[in-house]
Amino acid sequence: MNGAIGTTRWAIAEGYIPGSSTGEDRRFVSHETVCLLNAGDREAHVTLTVFFADREPVGPYRVTVPARRTLHVRFNDLTDPQPVPTDTDFASLIESDVPIVAQHTRLDSRQEALALLSTMAFPCP
């Protein structure tokens, strides 16, 4: 691929994992996700740090995105160094050793009428 796309630092200022869902099927469990695109020729080693209003940040959570691939990371699935709490406001910083693109998505299925939102993360210089 000619030229890198993305940047090595992204921020998501808004985060919240609803503590309940309308169903048990994983597709419909309320969740918060960061979608990572690595369009480059080298795998991306990515760290996520989670920030809170009332306590110190937690992280780094570590994931690898292979070259020319995408990876959707559910914050619900992050457990090391500790699980990301539900029903708690948070923000996140995503850092990579190669340029990537990051997008934020939430599925809120607390009601039968599901709510889905998605927006680009903020690219940090």
C-alpha atoms as a PDB file:
ATOM      1  CA  MET A   1       0.000   0.000   0.000  1.00  0.00           C
ATOM      2  CA  ASN A   2       1.337   3.446  -0.915  1.00  0.00           C
ATOM      3  CA  GLY A   3       1.719   5.677   2.152  1.00  0.00           C
ATOM      4  CA  ALA A   4       0.374   5.135   5.630  1.00  0.00           C
ATOM      5  CA  ILE A   5      -3.156   6.097   6.566  1.00  0.00           C
ATOM      6  CA  GLY A   6      -4.228   7.079  10.047  1.00  0.00           C
ATOM      7  CA  THR A   7      -2.102   8.138  12.965  1.00  0.00           C
ATOM      8  CA  THR A   8      -0.463   6.503  15.970  1.00  0.00           C
ATOM      9  CA  ARG A   9      -2.643   8.121  18.693  1.00  0.00           C
ATOM     10  CA  TRP A  10      -6.422   8.292  18.932  1.00  0.00           C
ATOM     11  CA  ALA A  11      -8.784   9.396  21.706  1.00  0.00           C
ATOM     12  CA  ILE A  12     -12.386   8.454  22.429  1.00  0.00           C
ATOM     13  CA  ALA A  13     -13.717  10.964  24.932  1.00  0.00           C
ATOM     14  CA  GLU A  14     -17.038   9.179  25.442  1.00  0.00           C
ATOM     15  CA  GLY A  15     -17.409   5.659  26.727  1.00  0.00           C
ATOM     16  CA  TYR A  16     -20.105   3.750  28.604  1.00  0.00           C
ATOM     17  CA  ILE A  17     -20.974   0.059  28.668  1.00  0.00           C
ATOM     18  CA  PRO A  18     -24.636  -0.416  29.622  1.00  0.00           C
ATOM     19  CA  GLY A  19     -24.915  -2.961  32.409  1.00  0.00           C
ATOM     20  CA  SER A  20     -27.922  -4.756  30.959  1.00  0.00           C
ATOM     21  CA  SER A  21     -29.132  -6.103  27.630  1.00  0.00           C
ATOM     22  CA  THR A  22     -32.383  -7.411  26.186  1.00  0.00           C
ATOM     23  CA  GLY A  23     -30.947 -10.781  25.217  1.00  0.00           C
ATOM     24  CA  GLU A  24     -28.173 -13.275  25.863  1.00  0.00           C
ATOM     25  CA  ASP A  25     -27.045 -13.632  22.222  1.00  0.00           C
ATOM     26  CA  ARG A  26     -23.572 -12.016  21.949  1.00  0.00           C
ATOM     27  CA  ARG A  27     -24.715 -10.032  18.889  1.00  0.00           C
ATOM     28  CA  PHE A  28     -27.252  -8.197  21.052  1.00  0.00           C
ATOM     29  CA  VAL A  29     -25.321  -7.736  24.292  1.00  0.00           C
ATOM     30  CA  SER A  30     -24.811  -4.047  25.041  1.00  0.00           C
ATOM     31  CA  HIS A  31     -21.202  -3.171  24.292  1.00  0.00           C
ATOM     32  CA  GLU A  32     -18.632  -0.512  23.540  1.00  0.00           C
ATOM     33  CA  THR A  33     -16.180  -1.176  20.703  1.00  0.00           C
ATOM     34  CA  VAL A  34     -13.159   0.417  19.094  1.00  0.00           C
ATOM     35  CA  CYS A  35     -12.772  -0.634  15.465  1.00  0.00           C
ATOM     36  CA  LEU A  36      -9.128  -0.584  14.355  1.00  0.00           C
ATOM     37  CA  LEU A  37      -7.936  -0.557  10.746  1.00  0.00           C
ATOM     38  CA  ASN A  38      -4.316  -1.316   9.922  1.00  0.00           C
ATOM     39  CA  ALA A  39      -3.959  -0.714   6.172  1.00  0.00           C
ATOM     40  CA  GLY A  40      -0.167  -0.787   6.384  1.00  0.00           C
ATOM     41  CA  ASP A  41       2.366  -3.504   5.646  1.00  0.00           C
ATOM     42  CA  ARG A  42       3.465  -4.090   9.293  1.00  0.00           C
ATOM     43  CA  GLU A  43       1.413  -5.448  12.177  1.00  0.00           C
ATOM     44  CA  ALA A  44       0.281  -2.829  14.685  1.00  0.00           C
ATOM     45  CA  HIS A  45       0.987  -3.262  18.382  1.00  0.00           C
ATOM     46  CA  VAL A  46      -1.763  -1.266  20.060  1.00  0.00           C
ATOM     47  CA  THR A  47      -2.285  -0.227  23.671  1.00  0.00           C
ATOM     48  CA  LEU A  48      -5.508   1.100  25.155  1.00  0.00           C
ATOM     49  CA  THR A  49      -5.661   3.130  28.352  1.00  0.00           C
ATOM     50  CA  VAL A  50      -9.039   3.730  30.002  1.00  0.00           C
ATOM     51  CA  PHE A  51      -9.689   6.951  31.965  1.00  0.00           C
ATOM     52  CA  PHE A  52     -12.390   7.570  34.588  1.00  0.00           C
ATOM     53  CA  ALA A  53     -13.925  10.590  36.314  1.00  0.00           C
ATOM     54  CA  ASP A  54     -13.241   9.377  39.844  1.00  0.00           C
ATOM     55  CA  ARG A  55     -10.168   7.117  39.760  1.00  0.00           C
ATOM     56  CA  GLU A  56      -6.795   6.607  38.146  1.00  0.00           C
ATOM     57  CA  PRO A  57      -6.548   5.309  34.545  1.00  0.00           C
ATOM     58  CA  VAL A  58      -6.303   1.574  33.884  1.00  0.00           C
ATOM     59  CA  GLY A  59      -4.052  -0.010  31.284  1.00  0.00           C
ATOM     60  CA  PRO A  60      -2.381  -0.693  29.153  1.00  0.00           C
ATOM     61  CA  TYR A  61      -4.619  -3.240  27.484  1.00  0.00           C
ATOM     62  CA  ARG A  62      -2.686  -4.739  24.561  1.00  0.00           C
ATOM     63  CA  VAL A  63      -3.908  -5.969  21.171  1.00  0.00           C
ATOM     64  CA  THR A  64      -2.244  -6.681  17.839  1.00  0.00           C
ATOM     65  CA  VAL A  65      -3.773  -5.802  14.481  1.00  0.00           C
ATOM     66  CA  PRO A  66      -2.172  -7.749  11.622  1.00  0.00           C
ATOM     67  CA  ALA A  67      -1.015  -5.884   8.524  1.00  0.00           C
ATOM     68  CA  ARG A  68      -3.810  -5.054   6.072  1.00  0.00           C
ATOM     69  CA  ARG A  69      -6.490  -6.171   8.544  1.00  0.00           C
ATOM     70  CA  THR A  70      -9.170  -4.827  10.861  1.00  0.00           C
ATOM     71  CA  LEU A  71      -9.865  -5.731  14.471  1.00  0.00           C
ATOM     72  CA  HIS A  72     -12.973  -4.867  16.469  1.00  0.00           C
ATOM     73  CA  VAL A  73     -12.134  -4.712  20.173  1.00  0.00           C
ATOM     74  CA  ARG A  74     -15.045  -4.831  22.611  1.00  0.00           C
ATOM     75  CA  PHE A  75     -14.212  -3.007  25.806  1.00  0.00           C
ATOM     76  CA  ASN A  76     -16.485  -5.591  27.485  1.00  0.00           C
ATOM     77  CA  ASP A  77     -13.891  -8.251  26.575  1.00  0.00           C
ATOM     78  CA  LEU A  78     -10.863  -6.431  28.003  1.00  0.00           C
ATOM     79  CA  THR A  79      -9.788  -8.137  31.253  1.00  0.00           C
ATOM     80  CA  ASP A  80      -6.038  -7.622  31.654  1.00  0.00           C
ATOM     81  CA  PRO A  81      -5.053  -5.700  33.735  1.00  0.00           C
ATOM     82  CA  GLN A  82      -8.711  -5.593  34.922  1.00  0.00           C
ATOM     83  CA  PRO A  83     -12.205  -5.684  33.403  1.00  0.00           C
ATOM     84  CA  VAL A  84     -13.653  -2.384  32.174  1.00  0.00           C
ATOM     85  CA  PRO A  85     -16.629  -1.696  34.472  1.00  0.00           C
ATOM     86  CA  THR A  86     -20.208  -1.452  33.214  1.00  0.00           C
ATOM     87  CA  ASP A  87     -22.547   1.440  34.043  1.00  0.00           C
ATOM     88  CA  THR A  88     -19.502   3.710  34.401  1.00  0.00           C
ATOM     89  CA  ASP A  89     -18.472   6.694  32.282  1.00  0.00           C
ATOM     90  CA  PHE A  90     -15.009   6.357  30.770  1.00  0.00           C
ATOM     91  CA  ALA A  91     -12.769   7.626  27.987  1.00  0.00           C
ATOM     92  CA  SER A  92      -9.898   5.929  26.208  1.00  0.00           C
ATOM     93  CA  LEU A  93      -6.569   6.607  24.569  1.00  0.00           C
ATOM     94  CA  ILE A  94      -5.434   4.286  21.768  1.00  0.00           C
ATOM     95  CA  GLU A  95      -1.730   4.226  20.882  1.00  0.00           C
ATOM     96  CA  SER A  96      -0.045   2.222  18.115  1.00  0.00           C
ATOM     97  CA  ASP A  97       3.508   1.737  16.914  1.00  0.00           C
ATOM     98  CA  VAL A  98       2.342   2.194  13.283  1.00  0.00           C
ATOM     99  CA  PRO A  99      -0.405   4.433  11.845  1.00  0.00           C
ATOM    100  CA  ILE A 100      -3.924   3.012  12.182  1.00  0.00           C
ATOM    101  CA  VAL A 101      -7.496   4.314  11.970  1.00  0.00           C
ATOM    102  CA  ALA A 102      -9.848   4.071  14.971  1.00  0.00           C
ATOM    103  CA  GLN A 103     -13.640   4.268  15.093  1.00  0.00           C
ATOM    104  CA  HIS A 104     -15.908   4.127  18.145  1.00  0.00           C
ATOM    105  CA  THR A 105     -19.171   2.133  18.218  1.00  0.00           C
ATOM    106  CA  ARG A 106     -21.726   1.391  20.950  1.00  0.00           C
ATOM    107  CA  LEU A 107     -24.676  -0.966  20.962  1.00  0.00           C
ATOM    108  CA  ASP A 108     -27.179  -0.168  23.706  1.00  0.00           C
ATOM    109  CA  SER A 109     -29.728  -2.977  23.943  1.00  0.00           C
ATOM    110  CA  ARG A 110     -31.250  -2.149  27.313  1.00  0.00           C
ATOM    111  CA  GLN A 111     -34.570  -1.716  25.475  1.00  0.00           C
ATOM    112  CA  GLU A 112     -36.017  -3.829  22.677  1.00  0.00           C
ATOM    113  CA  ALA A 113     -35.571  -0.873  20.292  1.00  0.00           C
ATOM    114  CA  LEU A 114     -31.782  -1.155  20.003  1.00  0.00           C
ATOM    115  CA  ALA A 115     -29.643   1.965  19.815  1.00  0.00           C
ATOM    116  CA  LEU A 116     -26.422   1.908  17.787  1.00  0.00           C
ATOM    117  CA  LEU A 117     -24.006   4.806  17.480  1.00  0.00           C
ATOM    118  CA  SER A 118     -20.718   5.066  15.669  1.00  0.00           C
ATOM    119  CA  THR A 119     -18.260   7.910  15.180  1.00  0.00           C
ATOM    120  CA  MET A 120     -14.626   8.395  14.317  1.00  0.00           C
ATOM    121  CA  ALA A 121     -12.220   8.619  17.217  1.00  0.00           C
ATOM    122  CA  PHE A 122     -10.246  11.853  17.562  1.00  0.00           C
ATOM    123  CA  PRO A 123      -6.807  11.658  15.888  1.00  0.00           C
ATOM    124  CA  CYS A 124      -4.139  13.035  18.254  1.00  0.00           C
ATOM    125  CA  PRO A 125      -0.998  14.715  16.892  1.00  0.00           C
END
